[in-house]
Amino acid sequence: MANLPWTGMSMGILATIVILGVYVIWKIQKELRSGFPLKDERSQRVSGNAAFYAFHLGSYFMIALMLGNILSRELRGVYLLDGWYALIFSIIVQGLMYIGFRLYYEKKEDFQ
């Protein structure tokens, strides 16, 4: 993948974005034609709570990662993670926490 020119990678990223956009629009159109509401009160509450907890726990994770980087630099002389890797890792962790919380709240029977 390192030998792939930027134009090829850019076209691949663009194609992925377009394909995902077409899929999302197709899914929304399909749900609108079915006559059922896209989101009811419970699903909005589930999504909101999942986002709330994922954001807050993700923020604590980023603070812990930052402190780990500072301590690693001061004690060992090298950073634990480079800035880009720390950012990517934080985004992935926050996304996975959102998915996990959403699945948890969707399965919970007495969620209000």
PDB file of N, CA and C in Angstrom:
ATOM      1  N   MET A   1       0.818  -1.188   0.000  1.00  0.00           N
ATOM      2  CA  MET A   1       0.000   0.000   0.000  1.00  0.00           C
ATOM      3  C   MET A   1       0.862   1.251   0.000  1.00  0.00           C
ATOM      4  N   ALA A   2       2.096   1.139   0.460  1.00  0.00           N
ATOM      5  CA  ALA A   2       2.981   2.299   0.513  1.00  0.00           C
ATOM      6  C   ALA A   2       3.371   2.751  -0.894  1.00  0.00           C
ATOM      7  N   ASN A   3       3.340   1.844  -1.885  1.00  0.00           N
ATOM      8  CA  ASN A   3       3.731   2.191  -3.244  1.00  0.00           C
ATOM      9  C   ASN A   3       2.579   2.748  -4.068  1.00  0.00           C
ATOM     10  N   LEU A   4       1.366   2.703  -3.530  1.00  0.00           N
ATOM     11  CA  LEU A   4       0.201   3.219  -4.248  1.00  0.00           C
ATOM     12  C   LEU A   4       0.281   4.741  -4.303  1.00  0.00           C
ATOM     13  N   PRO A   5       0.179   5.318  -5.499  1.00  0.00           N
ATOM     14  CA  PRO A   5       0.273   6.781  -5.579  1.00  0.00           C
ATOM     15  C   PRO A   5      -0.927   7.451  -4.917  1.00  0.00           C
ATOM     16  N   TRP A   6      -0.724   8.712  -4.526  1.00  0.00           N
ATOM     17  CA  TRP A   6      -1.775   9.448  -3.818  1.00  0.00           C
ATOM     18  C   TRP A   6      -3.027   9.580  -4.652  1.00  0.00           C
ATOM     19  N   THR A   7      -2.878   9.678  -5.964  1.00  0.00           N
ATOM     20  CA  THR A   7      -4.081   9.811  -6.792  1.00  0.00           C
ATOM     21  C   THR A   7      -4.933   8.548  -6.692  1.00  0.00           C
ATOM     22  N   GLY A   8      -4.300   7.392  -6.646  1.00  0.00           N
ATOM     23  CA  GLY A   8      -5.042   6.138  -6.503  1.00  0.00           C
ATOM     24  C   GLY A   8      -5.715   6.038  -5.153  1.00  0.00           C
ATOM     25  N   MET A   9      -4.992   6.444  -4.107  1.00  0.00           N
ATOM     26  CA  MET A   9      -5.577   6.406  -2.770  1.00  0.00           C
ATOM     27  C   MET A   9      -6.720   7.406  -2.654  1.00  0.00           C
ATOM     28  N   SER A  10      -6.552   8.581  -3.237  1.00  0.00           N
ATOM     29  CA  SER A  10      -7.606   9.598  -3.193  1.00  0.00           C
ATOM     30  C   SER A  10      -8.849   9.117  -3.926  1.00  0.00           C
ATOM     31  N   MET A  11      -8.668   8.483  -5.059  1.00  0.00           N
ATOM     32  CA  MET A  11      -9.811   7.965  -5.807  1.00  0.00           C
ATOM     33  C   MET A  11     -10.503   6.847  -5.028  1.00  0.00           C
ATOM     34  N   GLY A  12      -9.729   6.020  -4.334  1.00  0.00           N
ATOM     35  CA  GLY A  12     -10.323   4.960  -3.509  1.00  0.00           C
ATOM     36  C   GLY A  12     -11.126   5.523  -2.356  1.00  0.00           C
ATOM     37  N   ILE A  13     -10.597   6.554  -1.712  1.00  0.00           N
ATOM     38  CA  ILE A  13     -11.316   7.205  -0.610  1.00  0.00           C
ATOM     39  C   ILE A  13     -12.591   7.855  -1.128  1.00  0.00           C
ATOM     40  N   LEU A  14     -12.490   8.550  -2.258  1.00  0.00           N
ATOM     41  CA  LEU A  14     -13.655   9.199  -2.851  1.00  0.00           C
ATOM     42  C   LEU A  14     -14.717   8.175  -3.238  1.00  0.00           C
ATOM     43  N   ALA A  15     -14.302   7.065  -3.839  1.00  0.00           N
ATOM     44  CA  ALA A  15     -15.260   6.020  -4.217  1.00  0.00           C
ATOM     45  C   ALA A  15     -15.938   5.437  -2.983  1.00  0.00           C
ATOM     46  N   THR A  16     -15.204   5.231  -1.914  1.00  0.00           N
ATOM     47  CA  THR A  16     -15.785   4.714  -0.681  1.00  0.00           C
ATOM     48  C   THR A  16     -16.814   5.675  -0.114  1.00  0.00           C
ATOM     49  N   ILE A  17     -16.504   6.958  -0.096  1.00  0.00           N
ATOM     50  CA  ILE A  17     -17.441   7.960   0.414  1.00  0.00           C
ATOM     51  C   ILE A  17     -18.705   7.989  -0.436  1.00  0.00           C
ATOM     52  N   VAL A  18     -18.552   7.953  -1.758  1.00  0.00           N
ATOM     53  CA  VAL A  18     -19.722   7.982  -2.646  1.00  0.00           C
ATOM     54  C   VAL A  18     -20.577   6.736  -2.452  1.00  0.00           C
ATOM     55  N   ILE A  19     -19.954   5.574  -2.368  1.00  0.00           N
ATOM     56  CA  ILE A  19     -20.707   4.327  -2.178  1.00  0.00           C
ATOM     57  C   ILE A  19     -21.458   4.353  -0.852  1.00  0.00           C
ATOM     58  N   LEU A  20     -20.815   4.800   0.220  1.00  0.00           N
ATOM     59  CA  LEU A  20     -21.500   4.891   1.509  1.00  0.00           C
ATOM     60  C   LEU A  20     -22.639   5.903   1.465  1.00  0.00           C
ATOM     61  N   GLY A  21     -22.443   7.024   0.793  1.00  0.00           N
ATOM     62  CA  GLY A  21     -23.505   8.026   0.663  1.00  0.00           C
ATOM     63  C   GLY A  21     -24.707   7.491  -0.097  1.00  0.00           C
ATOM     64  N   VAL A  22     -24.458   6.785  -1.191  1.00  0.00           N
ATOM     65  CA  VAL A  22     -25.551   6.183  -1.966  1.00  0.00           C
ATOM     66  C   VAL A  22     -26.293   5.151  -1.120  1.00  0.00           C
ATOM     67  N   TYR A  23     -25.569   4.355  -0.361  1.00  0.00           N
ATOM     68  CA  TYR A  23     -26.213   3.348   0.491  1.00  0.00           C
ATOM     69  C   TYR A  23     -27.085   4.004   1.557  1.00  0.00           C
ATOM     70  N   VAL A  24     -26.599   5.059   2.197  1.00  0.00           N
ATOM     71  CA  VAL A  24     -27.372   5.734   3.242  1.00  0.00           C
ATOM     72  C   VAL A  24     -28.633   6.358   2.646  1.00  0.00           C
ATOM     73  N   ILE A  25     -28.512   7.014   1.492  1.00  0.00           N
ATOM     74  CA  ILE A  25     -29.686   7.614   0.852  1.00  0.00           C
ATOM     75  C   ILE A  25     -30.676   6.539   0.445  1.00  0.00           C
ATOM     76  N   TRP A  26     -30.197   5.416  -0.086  1.00  0.00           N
ATOM     77  CA  TRP A  26     -31.068   4.309  -0.477  1.00  0.00           C
ATOM     78  C   TRP A  26     -31.810   3.756   0.738  1.00  0.00           C
ATOM     79  N   LYS A  27     -31.113   3.608   1.851  1.00  0.00           N
ATOM     80  CA  LYS A  27     -31.740   3.078   3.060  1.00  0.00           C
ATOM     81  C   LYS A  27     -32.809   4.033   3.598  1.00  0.00           C
ATOM     82  N   ILE A  28     -32.534   5.330   3.588  1.00  0.00           N
ATOM     83  CA  ILE A  28     -33.509   6.319   4.054  1.00  0.00           C
ATOM     84  C   ILE A  28     -34.737   6.304   3.152  1.00  0.00           C
ATOM     85  N   GLN A  29     -34.531   6.259   1.838  1.00  0.00           N
ATOM     86  CA  GLN A  29     -35.657   6.214   0.910  1.00  0.00           C
ATOM     87  C   GLN A  29     -36.503   4.955   1.111  1.00  0.00           C
ATOM     88  N   LYS A  30     -35.855   3.839   1.366  1.00  0.00           N
ATOM     89  CA  LYS A  30     -36.561   2.580   1.597  1.00  0.00           C
ATOM     90  C   LYS A  30     -37.407   2.670   2.862  1.00  0.00           C
ATOM     91  N   GLU A  31     -36.866   3.259   3.926  1.00  0.00           N
ATOM     92  CA  GLU A  31     -37.615   3.392   5.172  1.00  0.00           C
ATOM     93  C   GLU A  31     -38.766   4.380   5.024  1.00  0.00           C
ATOM     94  N   LEU A  32     -38.578   5.440   4.253  1.00  0.00           N
ATOM     95  CA  LEU A  32     -39.657   6.403   4.033  1.00  0.00           C
ATOM     96  C   LEU A  32     -40.814   5.765   3.256  1.00  0.00           C
ATOM     97  N   ARG A  33     -40.491   4.915   2.279  1.00  0.00           N
ATOM     98  CA  ARG A  33     -41.531   4.244   1.504  1.00  0.00           C
ATOM     99  C   ARG A  33     -42.282   3.200   2.313  1.00  0.00           C
ATOM    100  N   SER A  34     -41.659   2.656   3.357  1.00  0.00           N
ATOM    101  CA  SER A  34     -42.314   1.624   4.151  1.00  0.00           C
ATOM    102  C   SER A  34     -43.434   2.193   5.016  1.00  0.00           C
ATOM    103  N   GLY A  35     -43.411   3.493   5.283  1.00  0.00           N
ATOM    104  CA  GLY A  35     -44.467   4.118   6.058  1.00  0.00           C
ATOM    105  C   GLY A  35     -44.195   4.178   7.544  1.00  0.00           C
ATOM    106  N   PHE A  36     -43.161   3.542   8.013  1.00  0.00           N
ATOM    107  CA  PHE A  36     -42.817   3.586   9.431  1.00  0.00           C
ATOM    108  C   PHE A  36     -41.915   4.789   9.698  1.00  0.00           C
ATOM    109  N   PRO A  37     -41.986   5.342  10.914  1.00  0.00           N
ATOM    110  CA  PRO A  37     -41.096   6.466  11.219  1.00  0.00           C
ATOM    111  C   PRO A  37     -39.639   6.031  11.225  1.00  0.00           C
ATOM    112  N   LEU A  38     -38.758   6.947  10.794  1.00  0.00           N
ATOM    113  CA  LEU A  38     -37.337   6.625  10.757  1.00  0.00           C
ATOM    114  C   LEU A  38     -36.790   6.374  12.149  1.00  0.00           C
ATOM    115  N   LYS A  39     -37.197   7.221  13.094  1.00  0.00           N
ATOM    116  CA  LYS A  39     -36.735   7.056  14.473  1.00  0.00           C
ATOM    117  C   LYS A  39     -37.902   7.351  15.401  1.00  0.00           C
ATOM    118  N   ASP A  40     -38.129   6.458  16.324  1.00  0.00           N
ATOM    119  CA  ASP A  40     -39.153   6.716  17.325  1.00  0.00           C
ATOM    120  C   ASP A  40     -38.480   7.298  18.566  1.00  0.00           C
ATOM    121  N   GLU A  41     -39.281   7.545  19.604  1.00  0.00           N
ATOM    122  CA  GLU A  41     -38.731   8.166  20.810  1.00  0.00           C
ATOM    123  C   GLU A  41     -37.650   7.308  21.460  1.00  0.00           C
ATOM    124  N   ARG A  42     -37.895   6.014  21.534  1.00  0.00           N
ATOM    125  CA  ARG A  42     -36.943   5.124  22.200  1.00  0.00           C
ATOM    126  C   ARG A  42     -35.609   5.085  21.458  1.00  0.00           C
ATOM    127  N   SER A  43     -35.646   4.968  20.140  1.00  0.00           N
ATOM    128  CA  SER A  43     -34.394   4.900  19.385  1.00  0.00           C
ATOM    129  C   SER A  43     -33.622   6.214  19.460  1.00  0.00           C
ATOM    130  N   GLN A  44     -34.335   7.335  19.508  1.00  0.00           N
ATOM    131  CA  GLN A  44     -33.647   8.615  19.678  1.00  0.00           C
ATOM    132  C   GLN A  44     -33.002   8.713  21.053  1.00  0.00           C
ATOM    133  N   ARG A  45     -33.703   8.212  22.067  1.00  0.00           N
ATOM    134  CA  ARG A  45     -33.148   8.245  23.422  1.00  0.00           C
ATOM    135  C   ARG A  45     -31.950   7.303  23.539  1.00  0.00           C
ATOM    136  N   VAL A  46     -32.054   6.126  22.912  1.00  0.00           N
ATOM    137  CA  VAL A  46     -30.941   5.169  22.914  1.00  0.00           C
ATOM    138  C   VAL A  46     -29.722   5.792  22.251  1.00  0.00           C
ATOM    139  N   SER A  47     -29.932   6.389  21.102  1.00  0.00           N
ATOM    140  CA  SER A  47     -28.821   7.000  20.372  1.00  0.00           C
ATOM    141  C   SER A  47     -28.220   8.173  21.147  1.00  0.00           C
ATOM    142  N   GLY A  48     -29.086   8.973  21.771  1.00  0.00           N
ATOM    143  CA  GLY A  48     -28.596  10.111  22.552  1.00  0.00           C
ATOM    144  C   GLY A  48     -27.791   9.689  23.760  1.00  0.00           C
ATOM    145  N   ASN A  49     -28.291   8.695  24.496  1.00  0.00           N
ATOM    146  CA  ASN A  49     -27.547   8.219  25.666  1.00  0.00           C
ATOM    147  C   ASN A  49     -26.229   7.571  25.264  1.00  0.00           C
ATOM    148  N   ALA A  50     -26.247   6.796  24.179  1.00  0.00           N
ATOM    149  CA  ALA A  50     -25.010   6.165  23.715  1.00  0.00           C
ATOM    150  C   ALA A  50     -23.985   7.223  23.326  1.00  0.00           C
ATOM    151  N   ALA A  51     -24.418   8.266  22.633  1.00  0.00           N
ATOM    152  CA  ALA A  51     -23.495   9.336  22.239  1.00  0.00           C
ATOM    153  C   ALA A  51     -22.985  10.087  23.461  1.00  0.00           C
ATOM    154  N   PHE A  52     -23.870  10.340  24.424  1.00  0.00           N
ATOM    155  CA  PHE A  52     -23.489  11.058  25.639  1.00  0.00           C
ATOM    156  C   PHE A  52     -22.379  10.317  26.385  1.00  0.00           C
ATOM    157  N   TYR A  53     -22.607   9.031  26.656  1.00  0.00           N
ATOM    158  CA  TYR A  53     -21.614   8.273  27.415  1.00  0.00           C
ATOM    159  C   TYR A  53     -20.349   8.015  26.610  1.00  0.00           C
ATOM    160  N   ALA A  54     -20.466   7.789  25.310  1.00  0.00           N
ATOM    161  CA  ALA A  54     -19.275   7.578  24.484  1.00  0.00           C
ATOM    162  C   ALA A  54     -18.425   8.842  24.432  1.00  0.00           C
ATOM    163  N   PHE A  55     -19.081  10.001  24.344  1.00  0.00           N
ATOM    164  CA  PHE A  55     -18.331  11.255  24.318  1.00  0.00           C
ATOM    165  C   PHE A  55     -17.583  11.480  25.622  1.00  0.00           C
ATOM    166  N   HIS A  56     -18.268  11.288  26.749  1.00  0.00           N
ATOM    167  CA  HIS A  56     -17.627  11.553  28.030  1.00  0.00           C
ATOM    168  C   HIS A  56     -16.526  10.541  28.335  1.00  0.00           C
ATOM    169  N   LEU A  57     -16.790   9.269  28.110  1.00  0.00           N
ATOM    170  CA  LEU A  57     -15.741   8.276  28.355  1.00  0.00           C
ATOM    171  C   LEU A  57     -14.598   8.423  27.354  1.00  0.00           C
ATOM    172  N   GLY A  58     -14.917   8.808  26.123  1.00  0.00           N
ATOM    173  CA  GLY A  58     -13.869   9.067  25.136  1.00  0.00           C
ATOM    174  C   GLY A  58     -13.000  10.246  25.538  1.00  0.00           C
ATOM    175  N   SER A  59     -13.616  11.267  26.138  1.00  0.00           N
ATOM    176  CA  SER A  59     -12.838  12.409  26.615  1.00  0.00           C
ATOM    177  C   SER A  59     -11.903  11.999  27.747  1.00  0.00           C
ATOM    178  N   TYR A  60     -12.399  11.185  28.669  1.00  0.00           N
ATOM    179  CA  TYR A  60     -11.532  10.687  29.743  1.00  0.00           C
ATOM    180  C   TYR A  60     -10.413   9.821  29.185  1.00  0.00           C
ATOM    181  N   PHE A  61     -10.715   9.028  28.160  1.00  0.00           N
ATOM    182  CA  PHE A  61      -9.690   8.206  27.523  1.00  0.00           C
ATOM    183  C   PHE A  61      -8.609   9.091  26.906  1.00  0.00           C
ATOM    184  N   MET A  62      -9.012  10.179  26.250  1.00  0.00           N
ATOM    185  CA  MET A  62      -8.027  11.080  25.638  1.00  0.00           C
ATOM    186  C   MET A  62      -7.167  11.770  26.688  1.00  0.00           C
ATOM    187  N   ILE A  63      -7.769  12.131  27.816  1.00  0.00           N
ATOM    188  CA  ILE A  63      -6.994  12.730  28.903  1.00  0.00           C
ATOM    189  C   ILE A  63      -5.992  11.722  29.447  1.00  0.00           C
ATOM    190  N   ALA A  64      -6.431  10.470  29.628  1.00  0.00           N
ATOM    191  CA  ALA A  64      -5.523   9.433  30.116  1.00  0.00           C
ATOM    192  C   ALA A  64      -4.404   9.171  29.109  1.00  0.00           C
ATOM    193  N   LEU A  65      -4.748   9.173  27.827  1.00  0.00           N
ATOM    194  CA  LEU A  65      -3.736   8.980  26.791  1.00  0.00           C
ATOM    195  C   LEU A  65      -2.730  10.129  26.788  1.00  0.00           C
ATOM    196  N   MET A  66      -3.222  11.349  26.969  1.00  0.00           N
ATOM    197  CA  MET A  66      -2.339  12.512  27.031  1.00  0.00           C
ATOM    198  C   MET A  66      -1.405  12.426  28.241  1.00  0.00           C
ATOM    199  N   LEU A  67      -1.963  12.063  29.405  1.00  0.00           N
ATOM    200  CA  LEU A  67      -1.118  11.923  30.589  1.00  0.00           C
ATOM    201  C   LEU A  67      -0.105  10.788  30.427  1.00  0.00           C
ATOM    202  N   GLY A  68      -0.533   9.702  29.793  1.00  0.00           N
ATOM    203  CA  GLY A  68       0.407   8.612  29.512  1.00  0.00           C
ATOM    204  C   GLY A  68       1.538   9.067  28.611  1.00  0.00           C
ATOM    205  N   ASN A  69       1.231   9.882  27.605  1.00  0.00           N
ATOM    206  CA  ASN A  69       2.263  10.413  26.723  1.00  0.00           C
ATOM    207  C   ASN A  69       3.218  11.336  27.470  1.00  0.00           C
ATOM    208  N   ILE A  70       2.647  12.183  28.338  1.00  0.00           N
ATOM    209  CA  ILE A  70       3.496  13.105  29.112  1.00  0.00           C
ATOM    210  C   ILE A  70       4.413  12.324  30.043  1.00  0.00           C
ATOM    211  N   LEU A  71       3.863  11.364  30.775  1.00  0.00           N
ATOM    212  CA  LEU A  71       4.683  10.563  31.697  1.00  0.00           C
ATOM    213  C   LEU A  71       5.731   9.743  30.951  1.00  0.00           C
ATOM    214  N   SER A  72       5.364   9.191  29.812  1.00  0.00           N
ATOM    215  CA  SER A  72       6.326   8.418  29.031  1.00  0.00           C
ATOM    216  C   SER A  72       7.469   9.306  28.549  1.00  0.00           C
ATOM    217  N   ARG A  73       7.134  10.509  28.134  1.00  0.00           N
ATOM    218  CA  ARG A  73       8.176  11.435  27.669  1.00  0.00           C
ATOM    219  C   ARG A  73       9.091  11.854  28.811  1.00  0.00           C
ATOM    220  N   GLU A  74       8.524  12.113  29.973  1.00  0.00           N
ATOM    221  CA  GLU A  74       9.325  12.568  31.102  1.00  0.00           C
ATOM    222  C   GLU A  74      10.158  11.442  31.719  1.00  0.00           C
ATOM    223  N   LEU A  75       9.605  10.239  31.793  1.00  0.00           N
ATOM    224  CA  LEU A  75      10.303   9.140  32.466  1.00  0.00           C
ATOM    225  C   LEU A  75      11.213   8.346  31.534  1.00  0.00           C
ATOM    226  N   ARG A  76      10.770   8.104  30.299  1.00  0.00           N
ATOM    227  CA  ARG A  76      11.556   7.285  29.381  1.00  0.00           C
ATOM    228  C   ARG A  76      12.253   8.083  28.298  1.00  0.00           C
ATOM    229  N   GLY A  77      11.799   9.305  28.074  1.00  0.00           N
ATOM    230  CA  GLY A  77      12.425  10.133  27.054  1.00  0.00           C
ATOM    231  C   GLY A  77      11.828   9.974  25.674  1.00  0.00           C
ATOM    232  N   VAL A  78      10.825   9.124  25.505  1.00  0.00           N
ATOM    233  CA  VAL A  78      10.163   8.937  24.205  1.00  0.00           C
ATOM    234  C   VAL A  78       8.653   8.996  24.419  1.00  0.00           C
ATOM    235  N   TYR A  79       7.967   9.419  23.379  1.00  0.00           N
ATOM    236  CA  TYR A  79       6.509   9.463  23.464  1.00  0.00           C
ATOM    237  C   TYR A  79       5.925   8.066  23.356  1.00  0.00           C
ATOM    238  N   LEU A  80       4.840   7.833  24.041  1.00  0.00           N
ATOM    239  CA  LEU A  80       4.135   6.558  23.968  1.00  0.00           C
ATOM    240  C   LEU A  80       3.548   6.376  22.577  1.00  0.00           C
ATOM    241  N   LEU A  81       2.871   7.395  22.071  1.00  0.00           N
ATOM    242  CA  LEU A  81       2.292   7.381  20.730  1.00  0.00           C
ATOM    243  C   LEU A  81       2.586   8.714  20.051  1.00  0.00           C
ATOM    244  N   ASP A  82       2.767   8.658  18.743  1.00  0.00           N
ATOM    245  CA  ASP A  82       2.891   9.885  17.967  1.00  0.00           C
ATOM    246  C   ASP A  82       1.523  10.563  17.927  1.00  0.00           C
ATOM    247  N   GLY A  83       1.492  11.841  17.637  1.00  0.00           N
ATOM    248  CA  GLY A  83       0.241  12.597  17.660  1.00  0.00           C
ATOM    249  C   GLY A  83      -0.840  12.042  16.749  1.00  0.00           C
ATOM    250  N   TRP A  84      -0.478  11.663  15.518  1.00  0.00           N
ATOM    251  CA  TRP A  84      -1.462  11.135  14.578  1.00  0.00           C
ATOM    252  C   TRP A  84      -2.024   9.809  15.061  1.00  0.00           C
ATOM    253  N   TYR A  85      -1.148   8.961  15.578  1.00  0.00           N
ATOM    254  CA  TYR A  85      -1.613   7.658  16.053  1.00  0.00           C
ATOM    255  C   TYR A  85      -2.517   7.806  17.274  1.00  0.00           C
ATOM    256  N   ALA A  86      -2.182   8.754  18.138  1.00  0.00           N
ATOM    257  CA  ALA A  86      -3.032   8.994  19.307  1.00  0.00           C
ATOM    258  C   ALA A  86      -4.405   9.499  18.870  1.00  0.00           C
ATOM    259  N   LEU A  87      -4.449  10.380  17.876  1.00  0.00           N
ATOM    260  CA  LEU A  87      -5.720  10.892  17.373  1.00  0.00           C
ATOM    261  C   LEU A  87      -6.547   9.777  16.738  1.00  0.00           C
ATOM    262  N   ILE A  88      -5.931   8.984  15.902  1.00  0.00           N
ATOM    263  CA  ILE A  88      -6.646   7.882  15.247  1.00  0.00           C
ATOM    264  C   ILE A  88      -7.139   6.882  16.283  1.00  0.00           C
ATOM    265  N   PHE A  89      -6.301   6.558  17.245  1.00  0.00           N
ATOM    266  CA  PHE A  89      -6.675   5.618  18.299  1.00  0.00           C
ATOM    267  C   PHE A  89      -7.853   6.159  19.105  1.00  0.00           C
ATOM    268  N   SER A  90      -7.846   7.447  19.409  1.00  0.00           N
ATOM    269  CA  SER A  90      -8.940   8.061  20.163  1.00  0.00           C
ATOM    270  C   SER A  90     -10.246   8.021  19.387  1.00  0.00           C
ATOM    271  N   ILE A  91     -10.184   8.305  18.088  1.00  0.00           N
ATOM    272  CA  ILE A  91     -11.389   8.280  17.258  1.00  0.00           C
ATOM    273  C   ILE A  91     -11.951   6.865  17.174  1.00  0.00           C
ATOM    274  N   ILE A  92     -11.086   5.877  17.005  1.00  0.00           N
ATOM    275  CA  ILE A  92     -11.540   4.494  16.923  1.00  0.00           C
ATOM    276  C   ILE A  92     -12.162   4.051  18.239  1.00  0.00           C
ATOM    277  N   VAL A  93     -11.526   4.380  19.350  1.00  0.00           N
ATOM    278  CA  VAL A  93     -12.057   3.990  20.663  1.00  0.00           C
ATOM    279  C   VAL A  93     -13.401   4.644  20.908  1.00  0.00           C
ATOM    280  N   GLN A  94     -13.534   5.925  20.579  1.00  0.00           N
ATOM    281  CA  GLN A  94     -14.804   6.612  20.785  1.00  0.00           C
ATOM    282  C   GLN A  94     -15.902   6.009  19.908  1.00  0.00           C
ATOM    283  N   GLY A  95     -15.599   5.690  18.681  1.00  0.00           N
ATOM    284  CA  GLY A  95     -16.576   5.067  17.792  1.00  0.00           C
ATOM    285  C   GLY A  95     -17.005   3.695  18.288  1.00  0.00           C
ATOM    286  N   LEU A  96     -16.047   2.903  18.740  1.00  0.00           N
ATOM    287  CA  LEU A  96     -16.383   1.572  19.259  1.00  0.00           C
ATOM    288  C   LEU A  96     -17.192   1.660  20.549  1.00  0.00           C
ATOM    289  N   MET A  97     -16.889   2.657  21.389  1.00  0.00           N
ATOM    290  CA  MET A  97     -17.692   2.838  22.604  1.00  0.00           C
ATOM    291  C   MET A  97     -19.118   3.224  22.255  1.00  0.00           C
ATOM    292  N   TYR A  98     -19.298   4.073  21.246  1.00  0.00           N
ATOM    293  CA  TYR A  98     -20.649   4.448  20.826  1.00  0.00           C
ATOM    294  C   TYR A  98     -21.416   3.213  20.342  1.00  0.00           C
ATOM    295  N   ILE A  99     -20.777   2.409  19.525  1.00  0.00           N
ATOM    296  CA  ILE A  99     -21.430   1.198  19.023  1.00  0.00           C
ATOM    297  C   ILE A  99     -21.776   0.269  20.178  1.00  0.00           C
ATOM    298  N   GLY A 100     -20.844   0.094  21.110  1.00  0.00           N
ATOM    299  CA  GLY A 100     -21.095  -0.770  22.258  1.00  0.00           C
ATOM    300  C   GLY A 100     -22.231  -0.272  23.133  1.00  0.00           C
ATOM    301  N   PHE A 101     -22.237   1.023  23.451  1.00  0.00           N
ATOM    302  CA  PHE A 101     -23.318   1.575  24.264  1.00  0.00           C
ATOM    303  C   PHE A 101     -24.651   1.488  23.544  1.00  0.00           C
ATOM    304  N   ARG A 102     -24.643   1.730  22.254  1.00  0.00           N
ATOM    305  CA  ARG A 102     -25.903   1.655  21.505  1.00  0.00           C
ATOM    306  C   ARG A 102     -26.456   0.233  21.503  1.00  0.00           C
ATOM    307  N   LEU A 103     -25.594  -0.736  21.277  1.00  0.00           N
ATOM    308  CA  LEU A 103     -26.048  -2.132  21.322  1.00  0.00           C
ATOM    309  C   LEU A 103     -26.547  -2.511  22.708  1.00  0.00           C
ATOM    310  N   TYR A 104     -25.866  -2.034  23.733  1.00  0.00           N
ATOM    311  CA  TYR A 104     -26.271  -2.329  25.104  1.00  0.00           C
ATOM    312  C   TYR A 104     -27.651  -1.750  25.400  1.00  0.00           C
ATOM    313  N   TYR A 105     -27.850  -0.483  25.044  1.00  0.00           N
ATOM    314  CA  TYR A 105     -29.125   0.163  25.337  1.00  0.00           C
ATOM    315  C   TYR A 105     -30.261  -0.382  24.466  1.00  0.00           C
ATOM    316  N   GLU A 106     -29.949  -0.823  23.248  1.00  0.00           N
ATOM    317  CA  GLU A 106     -30.989  -1.415  22.408  1.00  0.00           C
ATOM    318  C   GLU A 106     -31.474  -2.745  22.975  1.00  0.00           C
ATOM    319  N   LYS A 107     -30.583  -3.489  23.600  1.00  0.00           N
ATOM    320  CA  LYS A 107     -30.953  -4.791  24.163  1.00  0.00           C
ATOM    321  C   LYS A 107     -31.617  -4.662  25.525  1.00  0.00           C
ATOM    322  N   LYS A 108     -31.400  -3.538  26.187  1.00  0.00           N
ATOM    323  CA  LYS A 108     -31.947  -3.343  27.526  1.00  0.00           C
ATOM    324  C   LYS A 108     -33.458  -3.181  27.439  1.00  0.00           C
ATOM    325  N   GLU A 109     -34.187  -4.031  28.165  1.00  0.00           N
ATOM    326  CA  GLU A 109     -35.646  -4.045  28.089  1.00  0.00           C
ATOM    327  C   GLU A 109     -36.283  -2.829  28.738  1.00  0.00           C
ATOM    328  N   ASP A 110     -35.845  -2.468  29.938  1.00  0.00           N
ATOM    329  CA  ASP A 110     -36.510  -1.432  30.704  1.00  0.00           C
ATOM    330  C   ASP A 110     -35.867  -0.055  30.519  1.00  0.00           C
ATOM    331  N   PHE A 111     -35.314   0.192  29.359  1.00  0.00           N
ATOM    332  CA  PHE A 111     -34.665   1.479  29.089  1.00  0.00           C
ATOM    333  C   PHE A 111     -35.727   2.556  28.951  1.00  0.00           C
ATOM    334  N   GLN A 112     -35.544   3.665  29.669  1.00  0.00           N
ATOM    335  CA  GLN A 112     -36.511   4.769  29.579  1.00  0.00           C
ATOM    336  C   GLN A 112     -35.819   6.042  29.246  1.00  0.00           C
TER     337      GLN A 112
END
